[in-house]
Amino acid sequence: MSTEPTWGPSTFVDCSTDSLFDVLADARRRYALAYLRENDGEASFDELADAVATRERAERPAAASEDVALSLHHRHLPKLEQVGLTERTADVVSLTERGGSALETLPGAAADPADD
């Protein structure tokens, strides 16, 4: 795997192994990637936020959908995009080829932390 950053048409993509592991260390980001993979690689932002909130409520009943949506929009999706795992248009989040292979390469990457 290349550790050199690459430049896309208008995006900086950090391809370092450390960056990839850092991004996948967060359960919310893994849940988002797993949901995209299970749904043909794309979903509307609202659908993705609802799915992640639903999964988190199974673990923490107090997880609020609005809080999940805000953190996905401002924190988690930008990090996933920065390492090239997802792409976003106005209202659609898509799993990239790299995003799909990251989950396949790391067994249990989308599993619940409690399962470890």
PDB file of N, CA and C in Angstrom:
ATOM      1  N   MET A   1       0.850  -1.173   0.000  1.00  0.00           N
ATOM      2  CA  MET A   1       0.000   0.000   0.000  1.00  0.00           C
ATOM      3  C   MET A   1       0.891   1.229   0.000  1.00  0.00           C
ATOM      4  N   SER A   2       0.571   2.152  -0.816  1.00  0.00           N
ATOM      5  CA  SER A   2       1.336   3.385  -0.910  1.00  0.00           C
ATOM      6  C   SER A   2       1.139   4.211   0.345  1.00  0.00           C
ATOM      7  N   THR A   3       2.212   4.827   0.791  1.00  0.00           N
ATOM      8  CA  THR A   3       2.086   5.724   1.935  1.00  0.00           C
ATOM      9  C   THR A   3       2.151   7.172   1.491  1.00  0.00           C
ATOM     10  N   GLU A   4       2.234   7.399   0.191  1.00  0.00           N
ATOM     11  CA  GLU A   4       2.275   8.752  -0.332  1.00  0.00           C
ATOM     12  C   GLU A   4       0.869   9.290  -0.538  1.00  0.00           C
ATOM     13  N   PRO A   5       0.612  10.537  -0.106  1.00  0.00           N
ATOM     14  CA  PRO A   5      -0.691  11.126  -0.387  1.00  0.00           C
ATOM     15  C   PRO A   5      -0.871  11.321  -1.882  1.00  0.00           C
ATOM     16  N   THR A   6      -2.097  11.202  -2.355  1.00  0.00           N
ATOM     17  CA  THR A   6      -2.379  11.438  -3.755  1.00  0.00           C
ATOM     18  C   THR A   6      -3.382  12.569  -3.879  1.00  0.00           C
ATOM     19  N   TRP A   7      -3.351  13.208  -5.011  1.00  0.00           N
ATOM     20  CA  TRP A   7      -4.268  14.305  -5.274  1.00  0.00           C
ATOM     21  C   TRP A   7      -5.238  13.890  -6.349  1.00  0.00           C
ATOM     22  N   GLY A   8      -6.511  14.004  -6.064  1.00  0.00           N
ATOM     23  CA  GLY A   8      -7.535  13.758  -7.064  1.00  0.00           C
ATOM     24  C   GLY A   8      -7.855  15.064  -7.741  1.00  0.00           C
ATOM     25  N   PRO A   9      -8.913  15.100  -8.524  1.00  0.00           N
ATOM     26  CA  PRO A   9      -9.281  16.307  -9.246  1.00  0.00           C
ATOM     27  C   PRO A   9      -9.442  17.524  -8.321  1.00  0.00           C
ATOM     28  N   SER A  10     -10.068  17.322  -7.176  1.00  0.00           N
ATOM     29  CA  SER A  10     -10.245  18.454  -6.264  1.00  0.00           C
ATOM     30  C   SER A  10     -10.115  18.017  -4.820  1.00  0.00           C
ATOM     31  N   THR A  11      -9.518  16.842  -4.584  1.00  0.00           N
ATOM     32  CA  THR A  11      -9.498  16.286  -3.247  1.00  0.00           C
ATOM     33  C   THR A  11      -8.119  15.748  -2.902  1.00  0.00           C
ATOM     34  N   PHE A  12      -7.726  15.949  -1.665  1.00  0.00           N
ATOM     35  CA  PHE A  12      -6.516  15.349  -1.140  1.00  0.00           C
ATOM     36  C   PHE A  12      -6.908  14.022  -0.515  1.00  0.00           C
ATOM     37  N   VAL A  13      -6.243  12.937  -0.897  1.00  0.00           N
ATOM     38  CA  VAL A  13      -6.527  11.625  -0.327  1.00  0.00           C
ATOM     39  C   VAL A  13      -5.273  11.141   0.385  1.00  0.00           C
ATOM     40  N   ASP A  14      -5.388  10.919   1.689  1.00  0.00           N
ATOM     41  CA  ASP A  14      -4.279  10.433   2.497  1.00  0.00           C
ATOM     42  C   ASP A  14      -4.318   8.908   2.475  1.00  0.00           C
ATOM     43  N   CYS A  15      -3.339   8.294   1.813  1.00  0.00           N
ATOM     44  CA  CYS A  15      -3.341   6.842   1.625  1.00  0.00           C
ATOM     45  C   CYS A  15      -2.462   6.108   2.619  1.00  0.00           C
ATOM     46  N   SER A  16      -2.017   6.759   3.672  1.00  0.00           N
ATOM     47  CA  SER A  16      -1.116   6.080   4.595  1.00  0.00           C
ATOM     48  C   SER A  16      -1.864   5.027   5.396  1.00  0.00           C
ATOM     49  N   THR A  17      -1.143   3.981   5.735  1.00  0.00           N
ATOM     50  CA  THR A  17      -1.712   2.902   6.531  1.00  0.00           C
ATOM     51  C   THR A  17      -2.166   3.418   7.888  1.00  0.00           C
ATOM     52  N   ASP A  18      -1.393   4.289   8.491  1.00  0.00           N
ATOM     53  CA  ASP A  18      -1.771   4.846   9.791  1.00  0.00           C
ATOM     54  C   ASP A  18      -3.085   5.601   9.708  1.00  0.00           C
ATOM     55  N   SER A  19      -3.270   6.371   8.652  1.00  0.00           N
ATOM     56  CA  SER A  19      -4.515   7.123   8.488  1.00  0.00           C
ATOM     57  C   SER A  19      -5.704   6.184   8.328  1.00  0.00           C
ATOM     58  N   LEU A  20      -5.510   5.117   7.574  1.00  0.00           N
ATOM     59  CA  LEU A  20      -6.583   4.153   7.370  1.00  0.00           C
ATOM     60  C   LEU A  20      -6.981   3.497   8.689  1.00  0.00           C
ATOM     61  N   PHE A  21      -6.005   3.053   9.466  1.00  0.00           N
ATOM     62  CA  PHE A  21      -6.311   2.437  10.757  1.00  0.00           C
ATOM     63  C   PHE A  21      -6.948   3.444  11.718  1.00  0.00           C
ATOM     64  N   ASP A  22      -6.497   4.686  11.676  1.00  0.00           N
ATOM     65  CA  ASP A  22      -7.081   5.723  12.522  1.00  0.00           C
ATOM     66  C   ASP A  22      -8.559   5.908  12.203  1.00  0.00           C
ATOM     67  N   VAL A  23      -8.887   5.949  10.934  1.00  0.00           N
ATOM     68  CA  VAL A  23     -10.276   6.138  10.517  1.00  0.00           C
ATOM     69  C   VAL A  23     -11.123   4.935  10.908  1.00  0.00           C
ATOM     70  N   LEU A  24     -10.606   3.734  10.728  1.00  0.00           N
ATOM     71  CA  LEU A  24     -11.374   2.529  11.032  1.00  0.00           C
ATOM     72  C   LEU A  24     -11.440   2.223  12.531  1.00  0.00           C
ATOM     73  N   ALA A  25     -10.717   2.971  13.347  1.00  0.00           N
ATOM     74  CA  ALA A  25     -10.753   2.751  14.795  1.00  0.00           C
ATOM     75  C   ALA A  25     -12.079   3.188  15.410  1.00  0.00           C
ATOM     76  N   ASP A  26     -12.832   4.017  14.701  1.00  0.00           N
ATOM     77  CA  ASP A  26     -14.088   4.527  15.243  1.00  0.00           C
ATOM     78  C   ASP A  26     -15.267   3.652  14.810  1.00  0.00           C
ATOM     79  N   ALA A  27     -16.043   3.176  15.769  1.00  0.00           N
ATOM     80  CA  ALA A  27     -17.168   2.280  15.476  1.00  0.00           C
ATOM     81  C   ALA A  27     -18.207   2.939  14.572  1.00  0.00           C
ATOM     82  N   ARG A  28     -18.498   4.209  14.767  1.00  0.00           N
ATOM     83  CA  ARG A  28     -19.513   4.883  13.944  1.00  0.00           C
ATOM     84  C   ARG A  28     -19.109   4.873  12.474  1.00  0.00           C
ATOM     85  N   ARG A  29     -17.824   5.086  12.207  1.00  0.00           N
ATOM     86  CA  ARG A  29     -17.360   5.063  10.818  1.00  0.00           C
ATOM     87  C   ARG A  29     -17.424   3.646  10.251  1.00  0.00           C
ATOM     88  N   ARG A  30     -17.089   2.643  11.064  1.00  0.00           N
ATOM     89  CA  ARG A  30     -17.192   1.260  10.593  1.00  0.00           C
ATOM     90  C   ARG A  30     -18.641   0.893  10.316  1.00  0.00           C
ATOM     91  N   TYR A  31     -19.559   1.329  11.162  1.00  0.00           N
ATOM     92  CA  TYR A  31     -20.979   1.060  10.939  1.00  0.00           C
ATOM     93  C   TYR A  31     -21.436   1.677   9.624  1.00  0.00           C
ATOM     94  N   ALA A  32     -21.001   2.904   9.361  1.00  0.00           N
ATOM     95  CA  ALA A  32     -21.382   3.574   8.118  1.00  0.00           C
ATOM     96  C   ALA A  32     -20.855   2.807   6.906  1.00  0.00           C
ATOM     97  N   LEU A  33     -19.591   2.399   6.955  1.00  0.00           N
ATOM     98  CA  LEU A  33     -19.017   1.638   5.845  1.00  0.00           C
ATOM     99  C   LEU A  33     -19.739   0.308   5.660  1.00  0.00           C
ATOM    100  N   ALA A  34     -20.023  -0.380   6.751  1.00  0.00           N
ATOM    101  CA  ALA A  34     -20.710  -1.667   6.664  1.00  0.00           C
ATOM    102  C   ALA A  34     -22.104  -1.494   6.065  1.00  0.00           C
ATOM    103  N   TYR A  35     -22.803  -0.446   6.465  1.00  0.00           N
ATOM    104  CA  TYR A  35     -24.145  -0.214   5.917  1.00  0.00           C
ATOM    105  C   TYR A  35     -24.070   0.046   4.414  1.00  0.00           C
ATOM    106  N   LEU A  36     -23.124   0.855   3.999  1.00  0.00           N
ATOM    107  CA  LEU A  36     -22.971   1.126   2.567  1.00  0.00           C
ATOM    108  C   LEU A  36     -22.660  -0.160   1.806  1.00  0.00           C
ATOM    109  N   ARG A  37     -21.774  -0.975   2.355  1.00  0.00           N
ATOM    110  CA  ARG A  37     -21.415  -2.234   1.687  1.00  0.00           C
ATOM    111  C   ARG A  37     -22.634  -3.150   1.571  1.00  0.00           C
ATOM    112  N   GLU A  38     -23.455  -3.201   2.608  1.00  0.00           N
ATOM    113  CA  GLU A  38     -24.635  -4.077   2.612  1.00  0.00           C
ATOM    114  C   GLU A  38     -25.741  -3.556   1.698  1.00  0.00           C
ATOM    115  N   ASN A  39     -25.662  -2.308   1.266  1.00  0.00           N
ATOM    116  CA  ASN A  39     -26.712  -1.685   0.458  1.00  0.00           C
ATOM    117  C   ASN A  39     -26.196  -1.229  -0.895  1.00  0.00           C
ATOM    118  N   ASP A  40     -25.505  -2.113  -1.566  1.00  0.00           N
ATOM    119  CA  ASP A  40     -25.013  -1.872  -2.926  1.00  0.00           C
ATOM    120  C   ASP A  40     -24.106  -0.658  -3.055  1.00  0.00           C
ATOM    121  N   GLY A  41     -23.450  -0.282  -1.973  1.00  0.00           N
ATOM    122  CA  GLY A  41     -22.424   0.737  -2.047  1.00  0.00           C
ATOM    123  C   GLY A  41     -22.864   2.183  -1.951  1.00  0.00           C
ATOM    124  N   GLU A  42     -24.171   2.432  -1.780  1.00  0.00           N
ATOM    125  CA  GLU A  42     -24.575   3.823  -1.630  1.00  0.00           C
ATOM    126  C   GLU A  42     -25.894   3.949  -0.888  1.00  0.00           C
ATOM    127  N   ALA A  43     -26.083   5.128  -0.327  1.00  0.00           N
ATOM    128  CA  ALA A  43     -27.317   5.438   0.398  1.00  0.00           C
ATOM    129  C   ALA A  43     -27.447   6.943   0.480  1.00  0.00           C
ATOM    130  N   SER A  44     -28.675   7.394   0.681  1.00  0.00           N
ATOM    131  CA  SER A  44     -28.840   8.827   0.924  1.00  0.00           C
ATOM    132  C   SER A  44     -28.238   9.134   2.294  1.00  0.00           C
ATOM    133  N   PHE A  45     -27.859  10.373   2.504  1.00  0.00           N
ATOM    134  CA  PHE A  45     -27.286  10.747   3.790  1.00  0.00           C
ATOM    135  C   PHE A  45     -28.264  10.444   4.923  1.00  0.00           C
ATOM    136  N   ASP A  46     -29.537  10.796   4.746  1.00  0.00           N
ATOM    137  CA  ASP A  46     -30.533  10.564   5.798  1.00  0.00           C
ATOM    138  C   ASP A  46     -30.694   9.083   6.105  1.00  0.00           C
ATOM    139  N   GLU A  47     -30.715   8.265   5.077  1.00  0.00           N
ATOM    140  CA  GLU A  47     -30.836   6.808   5.257  1.00  0.00           C
ATOM    141  C   GLU A  47     -29.639   6.262   6.023  1.00  0.00           C
ATOM    142  N   LEU A  48     -28.443   6.725   5.666  1.00  0.00           N
ATOM    143  CA  LEU A  48     -27.226   6.283   6.339  1.00  0.00           C
ATOM    144  C   LEU A  48     -27.238   6.708   7.805  1.00  0.00           C
ATOM    145  N   ALA A  49     -27.585   7.955   8.065  1.00  0.00           N
ATOM    146  CA  ALA A  49     -27.621   8.450   9.446  1.00  0.00           C
ATOM    147  C   ALA A  49     -28.632   7.664  10.284  1.00  0.00           C
ATOM    148  N   ASP A  50     -29.803   7.395   9.728  1.00  0.00           N
ATOM    149  CA  ASP A  50     -30.818   6.618  10.455  1.00  0.00           C
ATOM    150  C   ASP A  50     -30.327   5.203  10.743  1.00  0.00           C
ATOM    151  N   ALA A  51     -29.663   4.582   9.775  1.00  0.00           N
ATOM    152  CA  ALA A  51     -29.175   3.214   9.959  1.00  0.00           C
ATOM    153  C   ALA A  51     -28.103   3.152  11.043  1.00  0.00           C
ATOM    154  N   VAL A  52     -27.188   4.117  11.033  1.00  0.00           N
ATOM    155  CA  VAL A  52     -26.129   4.134  12.047  1.00  0.00           C
ATOM    156  C   VAL A  52     -26.739   4.398  13.426  1.00  0.00           C
ATOM    157  N   ALA A  53     -27.678   5.322  13.511  1.00  0.00           N
ATOM    158  CA  ALA A  53     -28.330   5.622  14.797  1.00  0.00           C
ATOM    159  C   ALA A  53     -29.078   4.399  15.316  1.00  0.00           C
ATOM    160  N   THR A  54     -29.757   3.689  14.437  1.00  0.00           N
ATOM    161  CA  THR A  54     -30.484   2.488  14.843  1.00  0.00           C
ATOM    162  C   THR A  54     -29.533   1.435  15.389  1.00  0.00           C
ATOM    163  N   ARG A  55     -28.413   1.257  14.716  1.00  0.00           N
ATOM    164  CA  ARG A  55     -27.427   0.273  15.184  1.00  0.00           C
ATOM    165  C   ARG A  55     -26.850   0.687  16.531  1.00  0.00           C
ATOM    166  N   GLU A  56     -26.587   1.971  16.704  1.00  0.00           N
ATOM    167  CA  GLU A  56     -26.037   2.436  17.975  1.00  0.00           C
ATOM    168  C   GLU A  56     -27.063   2.335  19.098  1.00  0.00           C
ATOM    169  N   ARG A  57     -28.337   2.561  18.786  1.00  0.00           N
ATOM    170  CA  ARG A  57     -29.372   2.453  19.828  1.00  0.00           C
ATOM    171  C   ARG A  57     -29.464   1.040  20.382  1.00  0.00           C
ATOM    172  N   ALA A  58     -29.091   0.063  19.590  1.00  0.00           N
ATOM    173  CA  ALA A  58     -29.082  -1.310  20.082  1.00  0.00           C
ATOM    174  C   ALA A  58     -28.061  -1.458  21.208  1.00  0.00           C
ATOM    175  N   GLU A  59     -27.010  -0.654  21.154  1.00  0.00           N
ATOM    176  CA  GLU A  59     -25.957  -0.695  22.171  1.00  0.00           C
ATOM    177  C   GLU A  59     -26.161   0.368  23.250  1.00  0.00           C
ATOM    178  N   ARG A  60     -26.593   1.545  22.810  1.00  0.00           N
ATOM    179  CA  ARG A  60     -26.798   2.683  23.725  1.00  0.00           C
ATOM    180  C   ARG A  60     -28.161   3.277  23.413  1.00  0.00           C
ATOM    181  N   PRO A  61     -29.196   2.910  24.138  1.00  0.00           N
ATOM    182  CA  PRO A  61     -30.550   3.374  23.817  1.00  0.00           C
ATOM    183  C   PRO A  61     -30.698   4.887  23.733  1.00  0.00           C
ATOM    184  N   ALA A  62     -29.808   5.638  24.338  1.00  0.00           N
ATOM    185  CA  ALA A  62     -29.922   7.098  24.330  1.00  0.00           C
ATOM    186  C   ALA A  62     -29.353   7.744  23.062  1.00  0.00           C
ATOM    187  N   ALA A  63     -28.793   6.967  22.167  1.00  0.00           N
ATOM    188  CA  ALA A  63     -28.219   7.535  20.939  1.00  0.00           C
ATOM    189  C   ALA A  63     -29.316   8.247  20.148  1.00  0.00           C
ATOM    190  N   ALA A  64     -29.135   9.530  19.920  1.00  0.00           N
ATOM    191  CA  ALA A  64     -30.136  10.340  19.223  1.00  0.00           C
ATOM    192  C   ALA A  64     -29.792  10.454  17.744  1.00  0.00           C
ATOM    193  N   SER A  65     -30.788  10.280  16.900  1.00  0.00           N
ATOM    194  CA  SER A  65     -30.572  10.330  15.451  1.00  0.00           C
ATOM    195  C   SER A  65     -29.972  11.656  15.008  1.00  0.00           C
ATOM    196  N   GLU A  66     -30.427  12.751  15.585  1.00  0.00           N
ATOM    197  CA  GLU A  66     -29.901  14.062  15.191  1.00  0.00           C
ATOM    198  C   GLU A  66     -28.423  14.191  15.529  1.00  0.00           C
ATOM    199  N   ASP A  67     -28.015  13.697  16.697  1.00  0.00           N
ATOM    200  CA  ASP A  67     -26.605  13.748  17.079  1.00  0.00           C
ATOM    201  C   ASP A  67     -25.749  12.905  16.132  1.00  0.00           C
ATOM    202  N   VAL A  68     -26.266  11.742  15.762  1.00  0.00           N
ATOM    203  CA  VAL A  68     -25.540  10.873  14.837  1.00  0.00           C
ATOM    204  C   VAL A  68     -25.395  11.568  13.486  1.00  0.00           C
ATOM    205  N   ALA A  69     -26.486  12.152  12.992  1.00  0.00           N
ATOM    206  CA  ALA A  69     -26.448  12.836  11.692  1.00  0.00           C
ATOM    207  C   ALA A  69     -25.444  13.985  11.707  1.00  0.00           C
ATOM    208  N   LEU A  70     -25.441  14.769  12.763  1.00  0.00           N
ATOM    209  CA  LEU A  70     -24.499  15.896  12.848  1.00  0.00           C
ATOM    210  C   LEU A  70     -23.055  15.415  12.869  1.00  0.00           C
ATOM    211  N   SER A  71     -22.788  14.384  13.658  1.00  0.00           N
ATOM    212  CA  SER A  71     -21.399  13.915  13.727  1.00  0.00           C
ATOM    213  C   SER A  71     -20.971  13.246  12.426  1.00  0.00           C
ATOM    214  N   LEU A  72     -21.882  12.537  11.758  1.00  0.00           N
ATOM    215  CA  LEU A  72     -21.535  11.967  10.454  1.00  0.00           C
ATOM    216  C   LEU A  72     -21.197  13.070   9.458  1.00  0.00           C
ATOM    217  N   HIS A  73     -22.035  14.091   9.412  1.00  0.00           N
ATOM    218  CA  HIS A  73     -21.842  15.176   8.441  1.00  0.00           C
ATOM    219  C   HIS A  73     -20.564  15.971   8.690  1.00  0.00           C
ATOM    220  N   HIS A  74     -20.310  16.313   9.941  1.00  0.00           N
ATOM    221  CA  HIS A  74     -19.200  17.221  10.244  1.00  0.00           C
ATOM    222  C   HIS A  74     -17.889  16.526  10.596  1.00  0.00           C
ATOM    223  N   ARG A  75     -17.950  15.284  11.039  1.00  0.00           N
ATOM    224  CA  ARG A  75     -16.730  14.636  11.514  1.00  0.00           C
ATOM    225  C   ARG A  75     -16.397  13.353  10.767  1.00  0.00           C
ATOM    226  N   HIS A  76     -17.321  12.411  10.757  1.00  0.00           N
ATOM    227  CA  HIS A  76     -16.995  11.066  10.290  1.00  0.00           C
ATOM    228  C   HIS A  76     -16.912  10.934   8.771  1.00  0.00           C
ATOM    229  N   LEU A  77     -17.892  11.449   8.034  1.00  0.00           N
ATOM    230  CA  LEU A  77     -17.827  11.331   6.572  1.00  0.00           C
ATOM    231  C   LEU A  77     -16.641  12.088   5.982  1.00  0.00           C
ATOM    232  N   PRO A  78     -16.318  13.294   6.477  1.00  0.00           N
ATOM    233  CA  PRO A  78     -15.108  13.943   5.947  1.00  0.00           C
ATOM    234  C   PRO A  78     -13.840  13.108   6.156  1.00  0.00           C
ATOM    235  N   LYS A  79     -13.730  12.424   7.297  1.00  0.00           N
ATOM    236  CA  LYS A  79     -12.557  11.573   7.527  1.00  0.00           C
ATOM    237  C   LYS A  79     -12.541  10.380   6.576  1.00  0.00           C
ATOM    238  N   LEU A  80     -13.720   9.786   6.344  1.00  0.00           N
ATOM    239  CA  LEU A  80     -13.791   8.660   5.406  1.00  0.00           C
ATOM    240  C   LEU A  80     -13.440   9.110   3.995  1.00  0.00           C
ATOM    241  N   GLU A  81     -13.860  10.297   3.623  1.00  0.00           N
ATOM    242  CA  GLU A  81     -13.528  10.840   2.307  1.00  0.00           C
ATOM    243  C   GLU A  81     -12.041  11.160   2.199  1.00  0.00           C
ATOM    244  N   GLN A  82     -11.469  11.664   3.279  1.00  0.00           N
ATOM    245  CA  GLN A  82     -10.060  12.058   3.266  1.00  0.00           C
ATOM    246  C   GLN A  82      -9.142  10.881   2.955  1.00  0.00           C
ATOM    247  N   VAL A  83      -9.511   9.685   3.390  1.00  0.00           N
ATOM    248  CA  VAL A  83      -8.676   8.520   3.104  1.00  0.00           C
ATOM    249  C   VAL A  83      -9.200   7.721   1.912  1.00  0.00           C
ATOM    250  N   GLY A  84     -10.192   8.266   1.223  1.00  0.00           N
ATOM    251  CA  GLY A  84     -10.664   7.668  -0.013  1.00  0.00           C
ATOM    252  C   GLY A  84     -11.582   6.466   0.144  1.00  0.00           C
ATOM    253  N   LEU A  85     -12.270   6.341   1.294  1.00  0.00           N
ATOM    254  CA  LEU A  85     -13.162   5.202   1.503  1.00  0.00           C
ATOM    255  C   LEU A  85     -14.587   5.480   1.037  1.00  0.00           C
ATOM    256  N   THR A  86     -14.974   6.755   1.037  1.00  0.00           N
ATOM    257  CA  THR A  86     -16.306   7.134   0.563  1.00  0.00           C
ATOM    258  C   THR A  86     -16.208   8.383  -0.300  1.00  0.00           C
ATOM    259  N   GLU A  87     -17.305   8.637  -1.030  1.00  0.00           N
ATOM    260  CA  GLU A  87     -17.467   9.869  -1.804  1.00  0.00           C
ATOM    261  C   GLU A  87     -18.865  10.376  -1.501  1.00  0.00           C
ATOM    262  N   ARG A  88     -19.035  11.684  -1.620  1.00  0.00           N
ATOM    263  CA  ARG A  88     -20.342  12.273  -1.350  1.00  0.00           C
ATOM    264  C   ARG A  88     -20.736  13.230  -2.445  1.00  0.00           C
ATOM    265  N   THR A  89     -21.998  13.165  -2.841  1.00  0.00           N
ATOM    266  CA  THR A  89     -22.582  14.198  -3.684  1.00  0.00           C
ATOM    267  C   THR A  89     -23.545  14.950  -2.777  1.00  0.00           C
ATOM    268  N   ALA A  90     -24.416  15.743  -3.335  1.00  0.00           N
ATOM    269  CA  ALA A  90     -25.316  16.562  -2.520  1.00  0.00           C
ATOM    270  C   ALA A  90     -26.022  15.761  -1.435  1.00  0.00           C
ATOM    271  N   ASP A  91     -26.604  14.611  -1.793  1.00  0.00           N
ATOM    272  CA  ASP A  91     -27.373  13.860  -0.797  1.00  0.00           C
ATOM    273  C   ASP A  91     -27.069  12.372  -0.795  1.00  0.00           C
ATOM    274  N   VAL A  92     -26.066  11.934  -1.557  1.00  0.00           N
ATOM    275  CA  VAL A  92     -25.770  10.508  -1.642  1.00  0.00           C
ATOM    276  C   VAL A  92     -24.341  10.257  -1.166  1.00  0.00           C
ATOM    277  N   VAL A  93     -24.196   9.248  -0.328  1.00  0.00           N
ATOM    278  CA  VAL A  93     -22.885   8.802   0.144  1.00  0.00           C
ATOM    279  C   VAL A  93     -22.606   7.476  -0.547  1.00  0.00           C
ATOM    280  N   SER A  94     -21.423   7.359  -1.157  1.00  0.00           N
ATOM    281  CA  SER A  94     -21.066   6.152  -1.902  1.00  0.00           C
ATOM    282  C   SER A  94     -19.778   5.554  -1.359  1.00  0.00           C
ATOM    283  N   LEU A  95     -19.757   4.245  -1.307  1.00  0.00           N
ATOM    284  CA  LEU A  95     -18.571   3.503  -0.927  1.00  0.00           C
ATOM    285  C   LEU A  95     -17.654   3.426  -2.137  1.00  0.00           C
ATOM    286  N   THR A  96     -16.397   3.742  -1.974  1.00  0.00           N
ATOM    287  CA  THR A  96     -15.441   3.617  -3.070  1.00  0.00           C
ATOM    288  C   THR A  96     -14.919   2.182  -3.116  1.00  0.00           C
ATOM    289  N   GLU A  97     -14.208   1.857  -4.158  1.00  0.00           N
ATOM    290  CA  GLU A  97     -13.593   0.532  -4.252  1.00  0.00           C
ATOM    291  C   GLU A  97     -12.659   0.306  -3.068  1.00  0.00           C
ATOM    292  N   ARG A  98     -11.928   1.342  -2.704  1.00  0.00           N
ATOM    293  CA  ARG A  98     -11.010   1.233  -1.562  1.00  0.00           C
ATOM    294  C   ARG A  98     -11.779   0.998  -0.265  1.00  0.00           C
ATOM    295  N   GLY A  99     -12.938   1.638  -0.136  1.00  0.00           N
ATOM    296  CA  GLY A  99     -13.750   1.454   1.067  1.00  0.00           C
ATOM    297  C   GLY A  99     -14.238   0.026   1.202  1.00  0.00           C
ATOM    298  N   GLY A 100     -14.683  -0.555   0.107  1.00  0.00           N
ATOM    299  CA  GLY A 100     -15.135  -1.939   0.136  1.00  0.00           C
ATOM    300  C   GLY A 100     -14.008  -2.902   0.441  1.00  0.00           C
ATOM    301  N   SER A 101     -12.848  -2.654  -0.155  1.00  0.00           N
ATOM    302  CA  SER A 101     -11.730  -3.562   0.082  1.00  0.00           C
ATOM    303  C   SER A 101     -11.158  -3.401   1.485  1.00  0.00           C
ATOM    304  N   ALA A 102     -11.276  -2.216   2.089  1.00  0.00           N
ATOM    305  CA  ALA A 102     -10.786  -2.024   3.460  1.00  0.00           C
ATOM    306  C   ALA A 102     -11.559  -2.912   4.422  1.00  0.00           C
ATOM    307  N   LEU A 103     -12.862  -3.012   4.246  1.00  0.00           N
ATOM    308  CA  LEU A 103     -13.660  -3.861   5.119  1.00  0.00           C
ATOM    309  C   LEU A 103     -13.374  -5.342   4.883  1.00  0.00           C
ATOM    310  N   GLU A 104     -13.108  -5.716   3.631  1.00  0.00           N
ATOM    311  CA  GLU A 104     -12.804  -7.112   3.318  1.00  0.00           C
ATOM    312  C   GLU A 104     -11.420  -7.510   3.814  1.00  0.00           C
ATOM    313  N   THR A 105     -10.481  -6.575   3.781  1.00  0.00           N
ATOM    314  CA  THR A 105      -9.108  -6.838   4.162  1.00  0.00           C
ATOM    315  C   THR A 105      -8.953  -7.009   5.665  1.00  0.00           C
ATOM    316  N   LEU A 106      -9.759  -6.297   6.424  1.00  0.00           N
ATOM    317  CA  LEU A 106      -9.645  -6.323   7.874  1.00  0.00           C
ATOM    318  C   LEU A 106     -10.809  -7.100   8.470  1.00  0.00           C
ATOM    319  N   PRO A 107     -10.616  -8.376   8.761  1.00  0.00           N
ATOM    320  CA  PRO A 107     -11.701  -9.184   9.314  1.00  0.00           C
ATOM    321  C   PRO A 107     -12.259  -8.554  10.575  1.00  0.00           C
ATOM    322  N   GLY A 108     -13.564  -8.477  10.636  1.00  0.00           N
ATOM    323  CA  GLY A 108     -14.217  -7.929  11.812  1.00  0.00           C
ATOM    324  C   GLY A 108     -14.213  -6.414  11.884  1.00  0.00           C
ATOM    325  N   ALA A 109     -13.810  -5.730  10.809  1.00  0.00           N
ATOM    326  CA  ALA A 109     -13.731  -4.273  10.861  1.00  0.00           C
ATOM    327  C   ALA A 109     -15.073  -3.631  11.137  1.00  0.00           C
ATOM    328  N   ALA A 110     -16.151  -4.246  10.694  1.00  0.00           N
ATOM    329  CA  ALA A 110     -17.486  -3.670  10.912  1.00  0.00           C
ATOM    330  C   ALA A 110     -18.177  -4.278  12.119  1.00  0.00           C
ATOM    331  N   ALA A 111     -17.486  -5.153  12.843  1.00  0.00           N
ATOM    332  CA  ALA A 111     -18.096  -5.800  14.000  1.00  0.00           C
ATOM    333  C   ALA A 111     -18.214  -4.833  15.170  1.00  0.00           C
ATOM    334  N   ASP A 112     -19.097  -5.153  16.063  1.00  0.00           N
ATOM    335  CA  ASP A 112     -19.237  -4.350  17.277  1.00  0.00           C
ATOM    336  C   ASP A 112     -17.995  -4.496  18.122  1.00  0.00           C
ATOM    337  N   PRO A 113     -17.528  -3.388  18.759  1.00  0.00           N
ATOM    338  CA  PRO A 113     -16.348  -3.473  19.610  1.00  0.00           C
ATOM    339  C   PRO A 113     -16.528  -4.503  20.723  1.00  0.00           C
ATOM    340  N   ALA A 114     -17.750  -4.694  21.217  1.00  0.00           N
ATOM    341  CA  ALA A 114     -18.003  -5.651  22.291  1.00  0.00           C
ATOM    342  C   ALA A 114     -17.786  -7.083  21.838  1.00  0.00           C
ATOM    343  N   ASP A 115     -17.798  -7.323  20.509  1.00  0.00           N
ATOM    344  CA  ASP A 115     -17.609  -8.657  19.976  1.00  0.00           C
ATOM    345  C   ASP A 115     -16.152  -9.088  19.986  1.00  0.00           C
ATOM    346  N   ASP A 116     -15.245  -8.133  20.177  1.00  0.00           N
ATOM    347  CA  ASP A 116     -13.806  -8.441  20.117  1.00  0.00           C
ATOM    348  C   ASP A 116     -13.351  -9.264  21.300  1.00  0.00           C
TER     349      ASP A 116
END
